[in-house]
Amino acid sequence: MLLEDERNSVVKYGRKMIEAGLTTGTGGNLSVLNREKGLIAISASGLNYLETTPADVVVMDLDGKIHDSNRTPSSEAGFHTALYKHRTDINAVVHTHSVYASTVACLNMELPAVHYLVGFAGNKVPLAPYATFGSPELAENVINTIKNYNAVLLANHGLITVGAAIQNAFDAAEELELVARIYIQALSVGTPVIVPENEMNKVIEKFSTYGQAGGKR
């Protein structure tokens, strides 16, 4: 099977998205890039993650040409390919509709460093302007906003996280959902105190070497 490992990862982490409450039904999408082969394994459009098999995962190239699968790729394939072309450090993309991150996005707010765990993204999570899902405009907004961050909120939509591997991107989605929940709850009772930028720079540096594999916090 073409890109068997990458397809298995898409199946595994698609189920984990559901189990972690990061999306519902067929919402969101995820992909893994094999840079050596120039091919992407991406979740299929409108297919329940709990019913997805490796054969259902679509293999396509960076220009959108399908190389293996009878399924239609995610409607958001455009911003996946754009991200891979834009940054050579990205090998996986996770897009969720998690409740608290989406709430922040629907307020058209960035997610600031209300907790140091925002360091999974950088010193904040920036907000990309609204555009119709699956449109070239949305892909352009994502690229123009994400810059060197590892996550971006989509206005009135959800969250995108990226990483060198699918586990990095998934971990970021989980932790940033926690930070978004903390932020919303803090806003409900007062004015959150934001971690200073110089302190966030220290956190980001520590994150680069923390854990068993240099990045598992």
C-alpha atoms as a PDB file:
ATOM      1  CA  MET A   1       0.000   0.000   0.000  1.00  0.00           C
ATOM      2  CA  LEU A   2       1.338   3.405  -0.990  1.00  0.00           C
ATOM      3  CA  LEU A   3       2.317   5.480   2.085  1.00  0.00           C
ATOM      4  CA  GLU A   4       1.122   2.726   4.421  1.00  0.00           C
ATOM      5  CA  ASP A   5       2.716   4.194   7.565  1.00  0.00           C
ATOM      6  CA  GLU A   6       1.353   7.662   6.899  1.00  0.00           C
ATOM      7  CA  ARG A   7      -2.126   6.319   6.167  1.00  0.00           C
ATOM      8  CA  ASN A   8      -2.097   4.317   9.383  1.00  0.00           C
ATOM      9  CA  SER A   9      -1.148   7.496  11.248  1.00  0.00           C
ATOM     10  CA  VAL A  10      -4.059   9.404   9.736  1.00  0.00           C
ATOM     11  CA  VAL A  11      -6.454   6.659  10.856  1.00  0.00           C
ATOM     12  CA  LYS A  12      -4.933   6.505  14.344  1.00  0.00           C
ATOM     13  CA  TYR A  13      -4.962  10.236  14.992  1.00  0.00           C
ATOM     14  CA  GLY A  14      -8.357  10.756  13.382  1.00  0.00           C
ATOM     15  CA  ARG A  15      -9.778   8.409  16.008  1.00  0.00           C
ATOM     16  CA  LYS A  16      -7.782  10.158  18.709  1.00  0.00           C
ATOM     17  CA  MET A  17      -9.337  13.482  17.650  1.00  0.00           C
ATOM     18  CA  ILE A  18     -12.789  12.032  18.305  1.00  0.00           C
ATOM     19  CA  GLU A  19     -11.741  10.351  21.565  1.00  0.00           C
ATOM     20  CA  ALA A  20     -10.166  13.579  22.843  1.00  0.00           C
ATOM     21  CA  GLY A  21     -13.269  15.609  21.963  1.00  0.00           C
ATOM     22  CA  LEU A  22     -11.381  17.776  19.485  1.00  0.00           C
ATOM     23  CA  THR A  23     -14.067  17.373  16.837  1.00  0.00           C
ATOM     24  CA  THR A  24     -17.380  15.606  16.214  1.00  0.00           C
ATOM     25  CA  GLY A  25     -18.728  13.445  13.427  1.00  0.00           C
ATOM     26  CA  THR A  26     -16.720  14.035  10.270  1.00  0.00           C
ATOM     27  CA  GLY A  27     -15.570  17.539  11.216  1.00  0.00           C
ATOM     28  CA  GLY A  28     -11.968  18.646  10.857  1.00  0.00           C
ATOM     29  CA  ASN A  29      -9.237  16.872   8.918  1.00  0.00           C
ATOM     30  CA  LEU A  30      -5.616  15.805   9.155  1.00  0.00           C
ATOM     31  CA  SER A  31      -2.707  14.829   6.947  1.00  0.00           C
ATOM     32  CA  VAL A  32       0.861  13.545   6.977  1.00  0.00           C
ATOM     33  CA  LEU A  33       3.497  14.433   4.375  1.00  0.00           C
ATOM     34  CA  ASN A  34       6.240  12.136   3.107  1.00  0.00           C
ATOM     35  CA  ARG A  35       8.664  14.765   1.845  1.00  0.00           C
ATOM     36  CA  GLU A  36      11.009  12.244   0.250  1.00  0.00           C
ATOM     37  CA  LYS A  37       8.216  11.001  -2.005  1.00  0.00           C
ATOM     38  CA  GLY A  38       6.427  14.335  -2.249  1.00  0.00           C
ATOM     39  CA  LEU A  39       3.140  12.681  -1.306  1.00  0.00           C
ATOM     40  CA  ILE A  40       0.492  13.434   1.323  1.00  0.00           C
ATOM     41  CA  ALA A  41      -1.793  11.017   3.167  1.00  0.00           C
ATOM     42  CA  ILE A  42      -4.948  13.013   3.963  1.00  0.00           C
ATOM     43  CA  SER A  43      -8.292  12.146   5.533  1.00  0.00           C
ATOM     44  CA  ALA A  44     -11.202  11.594   3.168  1.00  0.00           C
ATOM     45  CA  SER A  45     -14.064  14.055   2.867  1.00  0.00           C
ATOM     46  CA  GLY A  46     -17.197  13.334   4.898  1.00  0.00           C
ATOM     47  CA  LEU A  47     -16.050   9.987   6.261  1.00  0.00           C
ATOM     48  CA  ASN A  48     -16.511   9.078   9.930  1.00  0.00           C
ATOM     49  CA  TYR A  49     -13.116   8.779  11.618  1.00  0.00           C
ATOM     50  CA  LEU A  50     -14.200   5.727  13.607  1.00  0.00           C
ATOM     51  CA  GLU A  51     -15.064   3.929  10.373  1.00  0.00           C
ATOM     52  CA  THR A  52     -12.030   5.028   8.346  1.00  0.00           C
ATOM     53  CA  THR A  53      -9.536   2.386   7.217  1.00  0.00           C
ATOM     54  CA  PRO A  54      -6.032   2.982   5.801  1.00  0.00           C
ATOM     55  CA  ALA A  55      -7.409   2.265   2.325  1.00  0.00           C
ATOM     56  CA  ASP A  56      -9.867   5.161   2.755  1.00  0.00           C
ATOM     57  CA  VAL A  57      -7.063   7.655   3.345  1.00  0.00           C
ATOM     58  CA  VAL A  58      -6.295   9.571   0.172  1.00  0.00           C
ATOM     59  CA  VAL A  59      -2.737   9.799  -1.174  1.00  0.00           C
ATOM     60  CA  MET A  60      -2.131  12.919  -3.237  1.00  0.00           C
ATOM     61  CA  ASP A  61       0.770  15.124  -4.266  1.00  0.00           C
ATOM     62  CA  LEU A  62       1.416  18.759  -3.420  1.00  0.00           C
ATOM     63  CA  ASP A  63      -0.396  19.865  -6.569  1.00  0.00           C
ATOM     64  CA  GLY A  64      -3.561  18.009  -5.567  1.00  0.00           C
ATOM     65  CA  LYS A  65      -3.251  15.066  -7.962  1.00  0.00           C
ATOM     66  CA  ILE A  66      -4.599  11.858  -6.397  1.00  0.00           C
ATOM     67  CA  HIS A  67      -2.198   8.911  -6.548  1.00  0.00           C
ATOM     68  CA  ASP A  68      -4.158   6.299  -4.608  1.00  0.00           C
ATOM     69  CA  SER A  69      -7.707   5.954  -3.210  1.00  0.00           C
ATOM     70  CA  ASN A  70     -11.265   5.826  -4.472  1.00  0.00           C
ATOM     71  CA  ARG A  71     -12.235   8.492  -1.939  1.00  0.00           C
ATOM     72  CA  THR A  72     -12.421  12.255  -2.298  1.00  0.00           C
ATOM     73  CA  PRO A  73      -9.811  14.085  -0.201  1.00  0.00           C
ATOM     74  CA  SER A  74     -10.794  16.521   2.528  1.00  0.00           C
ATOM     75  CA  SER A  75     -12.415  19.696   1.248  1.00  0.00           C
ATOM     76  CA  GLU A  76      -9.649  21.555   3.094  1.00  0.00           C
ATOM     77  CA  ALA A  77      -6.831  19.885   1.145  1.00  0.00           C
ATOM     78  CA  GLY A  78      -5.926  23.319  -0.224  1.00  0.00           C
ATOM     79  CA  PHE A  79      -4.579  24.695   3.028  1.00  0.00           C
ATOM     80  CA  HIS A  80      -2.769  21.421   3.771  1.00  0.00           C
ATOM     81  CA  THR A  81      -0.816  21.578   0.504  1.00  0.00           C
ATOM     82  CA  ALA A  82      -0.254  25.321   0.936  1.00  0.00           C
ATOM     83  CA  LEU A  83       1.221  24.796   4.406  1.00  0.00           C
ATOM     84  CA  TYR A  84       3.579  22.056   3.192  1.00  0.00           C
ATOM     85  CA  LYS A  85       4.775  24.261   0.343  1.00  0.00           C
ATOM     86  CA  HIS A  86       5.112  27.305   2.590  1.00  0.00           C
ATOM     87  CA  ARG A  87       7.207  25.726   5.348  1.00  0.00           C
ATOM     88  CA  THR A  88       9.686  22.870   5.013  1.00  0.00           C
ATOM     89  CA  ASP A  89       9.555  22.163   8.765  1.00  0.00           C
ATOM     90  CA  ILE A  90       5.911  21.022   8.550  1.00  0.00           C
ATOM     91  CA  ASN A  91       5.244  17.320   7.951  1.00  0.00           C
ATOM     92  CA  ALA A  92       1.796  17.023   9.543  1.00  0.00           C
ATOM     93  CA  VAL A  93      -1.347  19.156   9.789  1.00  0.00           C
ATOM     94  CA  VAL A  94      -4.285  18.730  12.172  1.00  0.00           C
ATOM     95  CA  HIS A  95      -7.485  20.772  11.843  1.00  0.00           C
ATOM     96  CA  THR A  96     -10.042  20.594  14.649  1.00  0.00           C
ATOM     97  CA  HIS A  97     -13.394  22.094  15.587  1.00  0.00           C
ATOM     98  CA  SER A  98     -12.664  21.834  19.311  1.00  0.00           C
ATOM     99  CA  VAL A  99     -15.220  23.748  21.359  1.00  0.00           C
ATOM    100  CA  TYR A 100     -13.127  26.273  23.282  1.00  0.00           C
ATOM    101  CA  ALA A 101     -10.623  27.038  20.522  1.00  0.00           C
ATOM    102  CA  SER A 102     -13.554  27.481  18.141  1.00  0.00           C
ATOM    103  CA  THR A 103     -15.247  29.750  20.681  1.00  0.00           C
ATOM    104  CA  VAL A 104     -12.193  32.020  20.731  1.00  0.00           C
ATOM    105  CA  ALA A 105     -12.183  31.946  16.919  1.00  0.00           C
ATOM    106  CA  CYS A 106     -15.868  32.868  16.817  1.00  0.00           C
ATOM    107  CA  LEU A 107     -15.081  35.879  18.987  1.00  0.00           C
ATOM    108  CA  ASN A 108     -12.527  36.804  16.300  1.00  0.00           C
ATOM    109  CA  MET A 109      -9.823  36.895  18.971  1.00  0.00           C
ATOM    110  CA  GLU A 110      -6.286  35.608  19.052  1.00  0.00           C
ATOM    111  CA  LEU A 111      -5.375  33.182  21.833  1.00  0.00           C
ATOM    112  CA  PRO A 112      -2.815  35.014  23.982  1.00  0.00           C
ATOM    113  CA  ALA A 113      -0.340  33.559  26.460  1.00  0.00           C
ATOM    114  CA  VAL A 114      -2.852  33.266  29.281  1.00  0.00           C
ATOM    115  CA  HIS A 115      -1.012  30.038  30.198  1.00  0.00           C
ATOM    116  CA  TYR A 116       2.533  29.034  29.296  1.00  0.00           C
ATOM    117  CA  LEU A 117       1.231  26.005  27.379  1.00  0.00           C
ATOM    118  CA  VAL A 118       0.361  28.360  24.536  1.00  0.00           C
ATOM    119  CA  GLY A 119       4.075  27.828  23.809  1.00  0.00           C
ATOM    120  CA  PHE A 120       3.032  24.784  21.779  1.00  0.00           C
ATOM    121  CA  ALA A 121       2.141  27.385  19.140  1.00  0.00           C
ATOM    122  CA  GLY A 122       4.556  30.169  19.979  1.00  0.00           C
ATOM    123  CA  ASN A 123       3.940  33.219  22.149  1.00  0.00           C
ATOM    124  CA  LYS A 124       0.270  33.260  21.025  1.00  0.00           C
ATOM    125  CA  VAL A 125      -2.076  31.675  18.510  1.00  0.00           C
ATOM    126  CA  PRO A 126      -2.809  34.228  15.756  1.00  0.00           C
ATOM    127  CA  LEU A 127      -6.197  34.567  14.054  1.00  0.00           C
ATOM    128  CA  ALA A 128      -6.678  34.154  10.306  1.00  0.00           C
ATOM    129  CA  PRO A 129      -9.528  36.198   8.756  1.00  0.00           C
ATOM    130  CA  TYR A 130     -12.714  34.377   7.819  1.00  0.00           C
ATOM    131  CA  ALA A 131     -13.110  32.771   4.408  1.00  0.00           C
ATOM    132  CA  THR A 132     -15.389  30.008   3.140  1.00  0.00           C
ATOM    133  CA  PHE A 133     -14.183  26.540   4.069  1.00  0.00           C
ATOM    134  CA  GLY A 134     -12.278  24.794   1.290  1.00  0.00           C
ATOM    135  CA  SER A 135     -11.678  28.028  -0.614  1.00  0.00           C
ATOM    136  CA  PRO A 136      -8.373  29.311  -2.023  1.00  0.00           C
ATOM    137  CA  GLU A 137      -8.994  32.456   0.045  1.00  0.00           C
ATOM    138  CA  LEU A 138      -8.946  30.427   3.264  1.00  0.00           C
ATOM    139  CA  ALA A 139      -5.670  28.761   2.285  1.00  0.00           C
ATOM    140  CA  GLU A 140      -4.172  32.183   1.518  1.00  0.00           C
ATOM    141  CA  ASN A 141      -5.383  33.576   4.857  1.00  0.00           C
ATOM    142  CA  VAL A 142      -3.818  30.638   6.697  1.00  0.00           C
ATOM    143  CA  ILE A 143      -0.447  31.105   5.003  1.00  0.00           C
ATOM    144  CA  ASN A 144      -0.450  34.870   5.517  1.00  0.00           C
ATOM    145  CA  THR A 145      -1.242  34.476   9.228  1.00  0.00           C
ATOM    146  CA  ILE A 146       0.583  31.410  10.510  1.00  0.00           C
ATOM    147  CA  LYS A 147       4.093  32.716   9.708  1.00  0.00           C
ATOM    148  CA  ASN A 148       6.444  30.880  12.127  1.00  0.00           C
ATOM    149  CA  TYR A 149       3.743  29.836  14.595  1.00  0.00           C
ATOM    150  CA  ASN A 150       2.748  26.193  14.984  1.00  0.00           C
ATOM    151  CA  ALA A 151      -0.965  26.944  15.172  1.00  0.00           C
ATOM    152  CA  VAL A 152      -3.517  29.357  13.793  1.00  0.00           C
ATOM    153  CA  LEU A 153      -7.155  30.028  14.626  1.00  0.00           C
ATOM    154  CA  LEU A 154      -9.611  30.326  11.735  1.00  0.00           C
ATOM    155  CA  ALA A 155     -12.171  33.059  12.363  1.00  0.00           C
ATOM    156  CA  ASN A 156     -15.660  31.612  12.975  1.00  0.00           C
ATOM    157  CA  HIS A 157     -14.320  28.142  12.229  1.00  0.00           C
ATOM    158  CA  GLY A 158     -11.692  26.290  14.282  1.00  0.00           C
ATOM    159  CA  LEU A 159      -8.025  25.558  14.858  1.00  0.00           C
ATOM    160  CA  ILE A 160      -5.106  24.355  12.720  1.00  0.00           C
ATOM    161  CA  THR A 161      -1.940  22.949  14.274  1.00  0.00           C
ATOM    162  CA  VAL A 162       1.213  21.862  12.482  1.00  0.00           C
ATOM    163  CA  GLY A 163       4.317  19.900  13.408  1.00  0.00           C
ATOM    164  CA  ALA A 164       7.350  17.961  12.298  1.00  0.00           C
ATOM    165  CA  ALA A 165       5.326  14.795  13.016  1.00  0.00           C
ATOM    166  CA  ILE A 166       1.645  13.996  13.484  1.00  0.00           C
ATOM    167  CA  GLN A 167       2.061  13.492  17.237  1.00  0.00           C
ATOM    168  CA  ASN A 168       3.500  17.017  17.574  1.00  0.00           C
ATOM    169  CA  ALA A 169       0.546  18.528  15.710  1.00  0.00           C
ATOM    170  CA  PHE A 170      -1.982  16.467  17.670  1.00  0.00           C
ATOM    171  CA  ASP A 171      -0.376  17.299  21.030  1.00  0.00           C
ATOM    172  CA  ALA A 172      -0.503  20.982  20.134  1.00  0.00           C
ATOM    173  CA  ALA A 173      -4.220  20.732  19.285  1.00  0.00           C
ATOM    174  CA  GLU A 174      -4.944  19.074  22.646  1.00  0.00           C
ATOM    175  CA  GLU A 175      -2.919  21.509  24.732  1.00  0.00           C
ATOM    176  CA  LEU A 176      -4.193  24.606  22.924  1.00  0.00           C
ATOM    177  CA  GLU A 177      -7.779  23.473  23.486  1.00  0.00           C
ATOM    178  CA  LEU A 178      -6.962  23.389  27.206  1.00  0.00           C
ATOM    179  CA  VAL A 179      -5.470  26.896  27.033  1.00  0.00           C
ATOM    180  CA  ALA A 180      -8.534  28.148  25.131  1.00  0.00           C
ATOM    181  CA  ARG A 181     -10.800  26.721  27.820  1.00  0.00           C
ATOM    182  CA  ILE A 182      -8.747  28.396  30.547  1.00  0.00           C
ATOM    183  CA  TYR A 183      -8.907  31.682  28.619  1.00  0.00           C
ATOM    184  CA  ILE A 184     -12.681  31.585  28.165  1.00  0.00           C
ATOM    185  CA  GLN A 185     -13.198  30.713  31.829  1.00  0.00           C
ATOM    186  CA  ALA A 186     -10.806  33.449  32.970  1.00  0.00           C
ATOM    187  CA  LEU A 187     -12.611  36.002  30.790  1.00  0.00           C
ATOM    188  CA  SER A 188     -15.910  35.012  32.381  1.00  0.00           C
ATOM    189  CA  VAL A 189     -14.783  36.121  35.849  1.00  0.00           C
ATOM    190  CA  GLY A 190     -12.234  38.841  35.221  1.00  0.00           C
ATOM    191  CA  THR A 191      -9.339  40.076  33.134  1.00  0.00           C
ATOM    192  CA  PRO A 192      -6.735  37.366  32.421  1.00  0.00           C
ATOM    193  CA  VAL A 193      -3.115  38.203  33.190  1.00  0.00           C
ATOM    194  CA  ILE A 194      -0.944  37.419  30.167  1.00  0.00           C
ATOM    195  CA  VAL A 195       2.484  35.793  30.500  1.00  0.00           C
ATOM    196  CA  PRO A 196       5.096  38.389  29.403  1.00  0.00           C
ATOM    197  CA  GLU A 197       6.774  37.878  26.031  1.00  0.00           C
ATOM    198  CA  ASN A 198      10.256  37.546  27.539  1.00  0.00           C
ATOM    199  CA  GLU A 199       9.004  34.743  29.779  1.00  0.00           C
ATOM    200  CA  MET A 200       7.271  33.047  26.838  1.00  0.00           C
ATOM    201  CA  ASN A 201      10.558  33.145  24.937  1.00  0.00           C
ATOM    202  CA  LYS A 202      12.130  31.189  27.806  1.00  0.00           C
ATOM    203  CA  VAL A 203       9.259  28.699  27.751  1.00  0.00           C
ATOM    204  CA  ILE A 204       9.533  28.156  23.999  1.00  0.00           C
ATOM    205  CA  GLU A 205      13.268  27.549  24.345  1.00  0.00           C
ATOM    206  CA  LYS A 206      12.704  25.019  27.156  1.00  0.00           C
ATOM    207  CA  PHE A 207      10.015  23.275  25.094  1.00  0.00           C
ATOM    208  CA  SER A 208      12.547  22.630  22.328  1.00  0.00           C
ATOM    209  CA  THR A 209      14.540  20.255  24.557  1.00  0.00           C
ATOM    210  CA  TYR A 210      12.002  19.095  27.159  1.00  0.00           C
ATOM    211  CA  GLY A 211      10.783  15.502  27.406  1.00  0.00           C
ATOM    212  CA  GLN A 212      11.817  12.042  26.286  1.00  0.00           C
ATOM    213  CA  ALA A 213      12.153  12.954  22.636  1.00  0.00           C
ATOM    214  CA  GLY A 214      12.912  16.662  22.771  1.00  0.00           C
ATOM    215  CA  GLY A 215       9.435  18.018  22.591  1.00  0.00           C
ATOM    216  CA  LYS A 216       7.053  15.882  24.649  1.00  0.00           C
ATOM    217  CA  ARG A 217       6.019  18.181  27.481  1.00  0.00           C
END
